[in-house]
Amino acid sequence: MFAIKTALKLIILMLPLGAFASPVQITSDVLEIQTLGPHVHMHFSHNAHIDGNKFSLKGDHIQVITINGSQGISNLSVVKEIRAMENATFEWVSYAGKADQIDVYPAKSFIILEGNAEIRDENSGTMFGQTLILDLKSKQIKSKGSKFTHPIDDVSKFEQNNTLIK
């Protein structure tokens, strides 16, 4: 494991889809890097923040999982998953949200909020629940076991997609 105990600014290129079409900047006070099989886990903590073109993600801890490239060097252009934990918030275009944990899947263009989840859409209102899913391609919010302030798309689609995501 490799750790840096200073403020860090790292620019990585996400997959060229939706909110991730341009480089993002990740800042934090502490970074730990660990290679686990085919993946590299970067754990940003203390003031962790990701900023990009119309996209922002904050949390006490943010984990970025990338594909392990040649010679054990992380392939930063292939981000598999981003997870923000504790005081997690995000903003994307007209959406903003918060939850205990926020998972971002760039390849699948999903943002999943779990635990005390809330998504505000400036056009439609606010949703609350335990699990909320923002589909970045269709710009639809789906829920599972949630109370919401406006109608939601068919939840059965989430059930099908959930097995693909995790």
Protein backbone atom coordinates (compact mmCIF):
# COMPACT_ATOMS: atom_id res chain seq x y z
CA MET A 1 0.00 0.00 0.00
CA PHE A 2 1.17 3.50 -0.84
CA ALA A 3 0.08 6.59 1.12
CA ILE A 4 0.52 10.33 0.62
CA LYS A 5 -0.19 12.59 3.59
CA THR A 6 -0.39 15.94 1.78
CA ALA A 7 -2.98 17.75 -0.27
CA LEU A 8 -3.25 16.01 -3.62
CA LYS A 9 -4.55 17.15 -6.96
CA LEU A 10 -4.89 14.44 -9.56
CA ILE A 11 -6.43 14.77 -12.99
CA ILE A 12 -7.86 11.65 -14.53
CA LEU A 13 -9.91 11.08 -17.65
CA MET A 14 -13.20 9.30 -17.11
CA LEU A 15 -14.91 7.28 -19.80
CA PRO A 16 -16.23 9.46 -22.62
CA LEU A 17 -19.88 9.14 -21.57
CA GLY A 18 -22.36 11.61 -20.15
CA ALA A 19 -20.97 13.61 -17.25
CA PHE A 20 -17.58 11.99 -17.64
CA ALA A 21 -16.64 13.31 -21.09
CA SER A 22 -13.86 15.52 -19.75
CA PRO A 23 -11.06 15.26 -17.19
CA VAL A 24 -11.91 15.63 -13.53
CA GLN A 25 -9.78 16.86 -10.66
CA ILE A 26 -9.64 14.96 -7.37
CA THR A 27 -8.42 16.67 -4.22
CA SER A 28 -7.96 15.37 -0.70
CA ASP A 29 -5.59 15.60 2.24
CA VAL A 30 -4.74 11.89 2.24
CA LEU A 31 -4.40 9.33 -0.56
CA GLU A 32 -3.84 5.60 -0.17
CA ILE A 33 -3.27 3.41 -3.23
CA GLN A 34 -3.62 -0.37 -3.23
CA THR A 35 -3.47 -2.86 -6.08
CA LEU A 36 -5.92 -5.74 -5.69
CA GLY A 37 -5.74 -8.17 -8.60
CA PRO A 38 -6.88 -6.52 -11.82
CA HIS A 39 -7.91 -3.28 -10.06
CA VAL A 40 -6.21 -0.31 -8.44
CA HIS A 41 -8.06 1.17 -5.44
CA MET A 42 -7.34 4.83 -4.67
CA HIS A 43 -8.80 5.92 -1.34
CA PHE A 44 -9.05 9.69 -0.88
CA SER A 45 -9.92 10.91 2.61
CA HIS A 46 -10.24 14.13 4.59
CA ASN A 47 -11.80 16.82 2.42
CA ALA A 48 -12.19 14.51 -0.59
CA HIS A 49 -13.67 16.25 -3.61
CA ILE A 50 -14.03 15.40 -7.31
CA ASP A 51 -14.69 18.28 -9.69
CA GLY A 52 -15.33 18.04 -13.42
CA ASN A 53 -17.35 19.50 -16.24
CA LYS A 54 -20.82 19.97 -14.67
CA PHE A 55 -20.04 17.22 -12.13
CA SER A 56 -19.06 17.43 -8.46
CA LEU A 57 -18.78 14.71 -5.81
CA LYS A 58 -17.82 15.23 -2.16
CA GLY A 59 -17.46 12.94 0.82
CA ASP A 60 -15.38 12.29 3.90
CA HIS A 61 -13.98 9.33 1.95
CA ILE A 62 -13.94 8.74 -1.80
CA GLN A 63 -12.74 5.50 -3.35
CA VAL A 64 -11.86 5.35 -7.06
CA ILE A 65 -11.40 1.91 -8.62
CA THR A 66 -9.54 1.74 -11.92
CA ILE A 67 -8.28 -1.08 -14.10
CA ASN A 68 -4.73 -2.20 -13.39
CA GLY A 69 -2.70 -1.42 -16.50
CA SER A 70 0.61 -2.80 -17.69
CA GLN A 71 3.44 -3.22 -15.18
CA GLY A 72 1.09 -2.64 -12.23
CA ILE A 73 0.39 0.98 -13.20
CA SER A 74 -3.21 2.15 -12.91
CA ASN A 75 -4.95 2.84 -16.22
CA LEU A 76 -6.57 6.10 -15.13
CA SER A 77 -8.63 6.39 -18.30
CA VAL A 78 -10.72 3.34 -17.30
CA VAL A 79 -12.60 4.10 -14.09
CA LYS A 80 -14.74 1.18 -12.99
CA GLU A 81 -16.40 2.71 -9.94
CA ILE A 82 -16.34 5.77 -7.70
CA ARG A 83 -17.75 5.55 -4.17
CA ALA A 84 -18.26 8.52 -1.84
CA MET A 85 -18.98 7.71 1.81
CA GLU A 86 -19.98 9.73 4.87
CA ASN A 87 -21.46 13.17 4.18
CA ALA A 88 -21.63 12.28 0.49
CA THR A 89 -23.06 14.84 -1.93
CA PHE A 90 -23.11 15.23 -5.70
CA GLU A 91 -24.14 17.77 -8.32
CA TRP A 92 -24.66 17.09 -12.02
CA VAL A 93 -26.37 19.42 -14.48
CA SER A 94 -29.80 20.17 -12.89
CA TYR A 95 -29.50 17.41 -10.25
CA ALA A 96 -28.09 17.53 -6.73
CA GLY A 97 -28.22 14.90 -4.03
CA LYS A 98 -26.92 13.53 -0.79
CA ALA A 99 -26.81 10.12 0.89
CA ASP A 100 -24.83 7.96 3.28
CA GLN A 101 -23.09 6.47 0.23
CA ILE A 102 -23.02 7.51 -3.43
CA ASP A 103 -21.75 5.10 -6.10
CA VAL A 104 -20.91 6.33 -9.59
CA TYR A 105 -20.55 3.85 -12.45
CA PRO A 106 -19.14 5.77 -15.45
CA ALA A 107 -19.36 2.85 -17.92
CA LYS A 108 -23.03 2.25 -17.09
CA SER A 109 -23.85 5.97 -16.64
CA PHE A 110 -25.53 5.45 -13.25
CA ILE A 111 -25.32 7.29 -9.95
CA ILE A 112 -26.76 5.25 -7.05
CA LEU A 113 -27.53 6.90 -3.72
CA GLU A 114 -27.99 4.58 -0.72
CA GLY A 115 -29.05 5.32 2.84
CA ASN A 116 -31.04 8.47 3.66
CA ALA A 117 -30.94 9.35 -0.03
CA GLU A 118 -32.24 12.58 -1.48
CA ILE A 119 -32.13 13.82 -5.08
CA ARG A 120 -33.27 17.28 -6.08
CA ASP A 121 -34.14 17.91 -9.71
CA GLU A 122 -34.69 21.60 -10.41
CA ASN A 123 -37.30 20.66 -13.03
CA SER A 124 -39.30 18.00 -11.15
CA GLY A 125 -38.86 18.32 -7.40
CA THR A 126 -37.24 16.23 -4.67
CA MET A 127 -37.19 12.48 -4.02
CA PHE A 128 -36.35 10.79 -0.71
CA GLY A 129 -35.67 7.14 0.00
CA GLN A 130 -33.22 4.44 0.93
CA THR A 131 -32.07 3.72 -2.64
CA LEU A 132 -32.33 6.20 -5.50
CA ILE A 133 -30.82 5.70 -8.96
CA LEU A 134 -30.07 8.48 -11.42
CA ASP A 135 -29.67 7.16 -14.97
CA LEU A 136 -27.40 9.70 -16.65
CA LYS A 137 -28.28 8.59 -20.18
CA SER A 138 -32.07 8.81 -19.89
CA LYS A 139 -31.95 11.47 -17.13
CA GLN A 140 -34.51 9.51 -15.13
CA ILE A 141 -34.60 8.91 -11.40
CA LYS A 142 -35.67 5.48 -10.21
CA SER A 143 -36.39 4.39 -6.68
CA LYS A 144 -36.56 1.28 -4.58
CA GLY A 145 -38.46 1.37 -1.29
CA SER A 146 -38.77 5.16 -1.44
CA LYS A 147 -41.25 7.94 -0.91
CA PHE A 148 -41.08 10.60 -3.58
CA THR A 149 -42.61 13.91 -4.60
CA HIS A 150 -43.26 13.09 -8.27
CA PRO A 151 -44.01 9.97 -10.37
CA ILE A 152 -41.14 7.60 -11.07
CA ASP A 153 -40.40 5.29 -13.99
CA ASP A 154 -41.01 1.54 -13.73
CA VAL A 155 -38.95 0.19 -10.79
CA SER A 156 -38.69 -3.26 -12.43
CA LYS A 157 -36.07 -1.81 -14.80
CA PHE A 158 -33.92 -1.03 -11.77
CA GLU A 159 -34.27 -4.63 -10.56
CA GLN A 160 -32.92 -5.83 -13.93
CA ASN A 161 -30.12 -3.25 -14.09
CA ASN A 162 -29.10 -3.73 -10.47
CA THR A 163 -27.68 -7.17 -11.19
CA LEU A 164 -25.57 -5.66 -13.97
CA ILE A 165 -24.27 -2.85 -11.80
CA LYS A 166 -23.03 -4.75 -8.76
